[in-house]
Amino acid sequence: MGVVLFRTLILYTLLIIAMRMSGKRQIGQLQPTELVMAILVSDLVAVPMQDTGIPLINGIIPLVALMCMELLLSGASLKSRKLRNKIYGTPSVLIAKGTVCTKSLQKHRISMDDLSEELRLKNVFDISTVDYAVLETNGQLSVMLKPENDQPTRKDMGIKTDYKGIPAAIIMDGSVYGDALKNSGYDMAWLTKKLKQRNLTPEQILLMTVDKDGKTAFCLKNDVDGTNMITK
């Protein structure tokens, strides 16, 4: 039992390292080489994990080899556009200037039902409102609506806006994130003062954020009504 547990922990650790090195893509966003690696790795790791009669090295060597191959291919593709196009392919236009490109649909074996479904997932229910639709190399569909159907921006409406940025999480689950606090331009003395104003301690806070103007938002771990509402 101890041997099986030890082998499992080793392979599990190596598998996590392999997945981390392959990036942060979701399953639906994997490139062909990344998908092949994910499929092969799962089979290679499962066999030596279950059968103690197989040397552990028989599972480690193929796993390391796949990791190295993936790193080499991804590194080479970054430097060579031709190689990148050969391995990952190129985006394909499915709708151009409001016209459906039937040859592209046939090439990628996409029916009109499939295209309509993908458009609905993009909140586009009327295909006549689409100007361009591009099938990306990871299988995702990018859609650009016709100008008359696109939502106006603040710039189009002449509304002046100030840059807001992303509020930084400086406390999460009762732990103070010192780096986030420092990067936001504040220190522990400022944070302590803010908490004293509300008679709070970090341990009571589920989430606390601060924006570029110094405005804070709190979400307590145990609100009286149990809703954990965010308050500013």
Protein backbone atom coordinates (compact mmCIF):
# COMPACT_ATOMS: atom_id res chain seq x y z
CA MET A 1 0.00 0.00 0.00
CA GLY A 2 2.84 2.37 0.88
CA VAL A 3 4.57 1.70 -2.45
CA VAL A 4 1.40 2.45 -4.41
CA LEU A 5 0.88 5.68 -2.47
CA PHE A 6 4.49 6.74 -3.01
CA ARG A 7 4.35 6.05 -6.76
CA THR A 8 1.04 7.88 -7.04
CA LEU A 9 2.39 10.97 -5.28
CA ILE A 10 5.46 11.09 -7.52
CA LEU A 11 3.46 10.76 -10.75
CA TYR A 12 0.84 13.19 -9.48
CA THR A 13 3.53 15.80 -8.77
CA LEU A 14 5.12 15.32 -12.19
CA LEU A 15 1.72 15.57 -13.86
CA ILE A 16 0.97 18.87 -12.11
CA ILE A 17 4.36 20.21 -13.23
CA ALA A 18 3.64 19.12 -16.81
CA MET A 19 0.24 20.82 -16.84
CA ARG A 20 1.66 24.01 -15.30
CA MET A 21 4.39 24.14 -17.92
CA SER A 22 1.82 23.83 -20.71
CA GLY A 23 0.16 27.12 -19.69
CA LYS A 24 -3.24 28.14 -18.36
CA ARG A 25 -5.52 27.27 -21.24
CA GLN A 26 -8.87 25.64 -20.62
CA ILE A 27 -9.69 22.31 -22.29
CA GLY A 28 -11.71 24.02 -25.03
CA GLN A 29 -8.81 26.37 -25.78
CA LEU A 30 -6.03 23.78 -26.15
CA GLN A 31 -3.94 23.79 -29.28
CA PRO A 32 -3.56 20.41 -31.09
CA THR A 33 -0.15 19.65 -29.56
CA GLU A 34 -1.40 20.52 -26.06
CA LEU A 35 -4.49 18.33 -26.46
CA VAL A 36 -2.39 15.39 -27.70
CA MET A 37 -0.05 15.80 -24.73
CA ALA A 38 -2.93 15.87 -22.26
CA ILE A 39 -4.42 12.67 -23.72
CA LEU A 40 -1.13 10.78 -23.85
CA VAL A 41 -0.02 11.87 -20.39
CA SER A 42 -3.20 10.59 -18.77
CA ASP A 43 -2.65 7.11 -20.26
CA LEU A 44 1.09 7.02 -19.56
CA VAL A 45 0.65 7.93 -15.90
CA ALA A 46 -2.34 5.66 -15.22
CA VAL A 47 -0.55 2.37 -16.06
CA PRO A 48 2.49 2.60 -13.71
CA MET A 49 0.29 4.17 -11.05
CA GLN A 50 -1.96 1.11 -10.94
CA ASP A 51 0.51 -1.70 -11.70
CA THR A 52 3.37 -1.85 -9.21
CA GLY A 53 5.02 -4.52 -11.35
CA ILE A 54 5.92 -1.88 -13.94
CA PRO A 55 9.05 0.13 -13.06
CA LEU A 56 8.19 3.70 -12.10
CA ILE A 57 10.82 4.98 -14.50
CA ASN A 58 8.74 3.58 -17.39
CA GLY A 59 6.11 6.19 -16.60
CA ILE A 60 8.49 9.03 -15.77
CA ILE A 61 10.63 8.89 -18.93
CA PRO A 62 7.73 9.20 -21.44
CA LEU A 63 6.19 11.96 -19.30
CA VAL A 64 9.44 13.96 -19.23
CA ALA A 65 9.93 13.33 -22.96
CA LEU A 66 6.47 14.70 -23.75
CA MET A 67 7.09 17.74 -21.55
CA CYS A 68 10.37 18.46 -23.34
CA MET A 69 8.79 17.96 -26.77
CA GLU A 70 5.95 20.32 -25.94
CA LEU A 71 8.36 22.97 -24.65
CA LEU A 72 10.53 22.65 -27.76
CA LEU A 73 7.58 22.91 -30.12
CA SER A 74 6.00 25.84 -28.30
CA GLY A 75 9.34 27.66 -28.09
CA ALA A 76 10.12 27.07 -31.76
CA SER A 77 6.63 28.15 -32.82
CA LEU A 78 7.09 31.45 -31.00
CA LYS A 79 10.14 32.20 -33.16
CA SER A 80 8.85 30.85 -36.47
CA ARG A 81 5.51 31.94 -37.86
CA LYS A 82 5.64 29.30 -40.62
CA LEU A 83 6.13 26.54 -38.07
CA ARG A 84 3.37 27.99 -35.90
CA ASN A 85 0.97 27.96 -38.85
CA LYS A 86 1.93 24.38 -39.70
CA ILE A 87 1.39 23.10 -36.17
CA TYR A 88 -1.52 25.21 -34.94
CA GLY A 89 -3.09 26.25 -38.24
CA THR A 90 -4.46 29.70 -39.06
CA PRO A 91 -7.77 31.44 -38.28
CA SER A 92 -10.51 30.86 -40.83
CA VAL A 93 -13.17 33.39 -41.84
CA LEU A 94 -16.65 31.84 -41.72
CA ILE A 95 -18.59 35.05 -42.34
CA ALA A 96 -17.10 37.95 -44.30
CA LYS A 97 -18.89 41.27 -44.82
CA GLY A 98 -22.18 39.65 -43.85
CA THR A 99 -21.78 36.74 -46.30
CA VAL A 100 -21.43 33.15 -45.11
CA CYS A 101 -18.31 31.48 -46.53
CA THR A 102 -19.68 28.04 -47.42
CA LYS A 103 -16.28 26.72 -48.54
CA SER A 104 -14.81 27.46 -45.11
CA LEU A 105 -17.75 25.76 -43.43
CA GLN A 106 -17.26 22.66 -45.60
CA LYS A 107 -13.50 22.66 -45.02
CA HIS A 108 -13.93 22.62 -41.25
CA ARG A 109 -17.02 20.37 -41.38
CA ILE A 110 -19.21 22.96 -39.69
CA SER A 111 -22.93 22.93 -40.41
CA MET A 112 -25.19 25.95 -40.30
CA ASP A 113 -26.68 24.52 -37.13
CA ASP A 114 -23.21 24.46 -35.55
CA LEU A 115 -22.52 28.02 -36.68
CA SER A 116 -25.88 29.25 -35.39
CA GLU A 117 -25.26 27.57 -32.05
CA GLU A 118 -21.84 29.21 -31.69
CA LEU A 119 -23.35 32.59 -32.55
CA ARG A 120 -26.06 32.13 -29.92
CA LEU A 121 -23.35 31.39 -27.36
CA LYS A 122 -22.00 34.83 -28.26
CA ASN A 123 -25.49 36.31 -27.64
CA VAL A 124 -26.02 36.74 -31.39
CA PHE A 125 -29.43 35.35 -32.39
CA ASP A 126 -29.75 37.04 -35.78
CA ILE A 127 -27.04 36.01 -38.25
CA SER A 128 -27.88 38.98 -40.47
CA THR A 129 -26.37 41.29 -37.83
CA VAL A 130 -22.92 39.68 -38.15
CA ASP A 131 -20.24 41.42 -40.20
CA TYR A 132 -17.37 38.99 -39.59
CA ALA A 133 -17.09 35.62 -37.83
CA VAL A 134 -13.65 34.05 -37.48
CA LEU A 135 -12.87 30.50 -36.35
CA GLU A 136 -9.72 30.78 -34.24
CA THR A 137 -6.99 28.15 -34.08
CA ASN A 138 -8.22 26.94 -30.67
CA GLY A 139 -11.73 26.31 -31.99
CA GLN A 140 -13.29 29.43 -30.50
CA LEU A 141 -15.48 31.72 -32.64
CA SER A 142 -14.81 35.47 -32.72
CA VAL A 143 -17.69 37.65 -33.87
CA MET A 144 -17.84 41.26 -35.04
CA LEU A 145 -21.28 42.78 -35.56
CA LYS A 146 -22.18 45.22 -38.28
CA PRO A 147 -21.69 48.85 -37.19
CA GLU A 148 -25.43 49.54 -37.12
CA ASN A 149 -26.02 46.52 -34.86
CA ASP A 150 -23.08 46.98 -32.52
CA GLN A 151 -23.61 48.59 -29.14
CA PRO A 152 -22.35 52.18 -28.92
CA THR A 153 -19.38 52.87 -26.67
CA ARG A 154 -18.95 55.80 -24.30
CA LYS A 155 -16.60 57.31 -26.86
CA ASP A 156 -19.29 57.07 -29.56
CA MET A 157 -21.72 58.86 -27.25
CA GLY A 158 -19.20 61.55 -26.31
CA ILE A 159 -19.14 60.60 -22.64
CA LYS A 160 -15.84 61.31 -20.91
CA THR A 161 -14.61 58.55 -18.64
CA ASP A 162 -11.74 58.28 -16.18
CA TYR A 163 -9.48 55.27 -15.93
CA LYS A 164 -10.65 53.06 -13.06
CA GLY A 165 -8.28 50.11 -13.18
CA ILE A 166 -8.84 46.83 -11.36
CA PRO A 167 -9.39 46.90 -7.59
CA ALA A 168 -6.65 44.97 -5.79
CA ALA A 169 -7.53 42.22 -3.31
CA ILE A 170 -5.52 43.07 -0.20
CA ILE A 171 -7.25 40.62 2.18
CA MET A 172 -8.63 37.22 1.20
CA ASP A 173 -9.94 34.57 3.60
CA GLY A 174 -8.47 36.46 6.54
CA SER A 175 -4.94 36.69 5.08
CA VAL A 176 -3.31 40.03 4.22
CA TYR A 177 -1.73 40.15 0.77
CA GLY A 178 1.29 42.33 1.42
CA ASP A 179 2.45 42.49 -2.21
CA ALA A 180 -0.97 43.61 -3.45
CA LEU A 181 -1.13 46.20 -0.66
CA LYS A 182 2.32 47.55 -1.56
CA ASN A 183 1.61 47.59 -5.31
CA SER A 184 -1.53 49.61 -4.62
CA GLY A 185 0.58 52.28 -2.92
CA TYR A 186 -0.46 51.58 0.68
CA ASP A 187 1.15 50.04 3.76
CA MET A 188 0.14 48.11 6.87
CA ALA A 189 -0.36 51.32 8.86
CA TRP A 190 -2.98 52.49 6.36
CA LEU A 191 -4.68 49.08 6.40
CA THR A 192 -4.71 48.94 10.20
CA LYS A 193 -6.33 52.38 10.31
CA LYS A 194 -9.01 51.34 7.82
CA LEU A 195 -9.83 48.22 9.81
CA LYS A 196 -10.00 50.10 13.11
CA GLN A 197 -12.55 52.50 11.61
CA ARG A 198 -14.87 49.51 11.18
CA ASN A 199 -13.77 47.63 14.31
CA LEU A 200 -12.60 44.73 12.14
CA THR A 201 -9.65 42.35 12.12
CA PRO A 202 -8.26 40.61 9.01
CA GLU A 203 -9.55 37.27 10.33
CA GLN A 204 -13.15 38.54 10.08
CA ILE A 205 -12.82 39.49 6.41
CA LEU A 206 -13.53 37.19 3.48
CA LEU A 207 -12.47 39.78 0.90
CA MET A 208 -11.23 43.36 1.01
CA THR A 209 -10.31 45.34 -2.10
CA VAL A 210 -8.97 48.82 -2.77
CA ASP A 211 -9.07 50.80 -6.02
CA LYS A 212 -6.73 53.47 -7.36
CA ASP A 213 -8.66 56.22 -5.53
CA GLY A 214 -8.26 54.48 -2.18
CA LYS A 215 -11.89 53.35 -1.97
CA THR A 216 -12.27 50.03 -0.17
CA ALA A 217 -14.87 47.28 -0.39
CA PHE A 218 -15.47 44.65 2.32
CA CYS A 219 -17.03 41.21 2.33
CA LEU A 220 -17.22 39.69 5.82
CA LYS A 221 -16.96 35.98 6.55
CA ASN A 222 -20.00 35.86 8.81
CA ASP A 223 -22.57 38.53 8.08
CA VAL A 224 -25.58 38.71 10.39
CA ASP A 225 -28.00 37.91 7.57
CA GLY A 226 -25.67 35.30 6.05
CA THR A 227 -25.51 36.99 2.66
CA ASN A 228 -21.86 38.06 2.77
CA MET A 229 -22.74 41.28 0.96
CA ILE A 230 -19.93 43.47 -0.35
CA THR A 231 -20.04 46.94 1.26
CA LYS A 232 -17.98 50.01 0.55
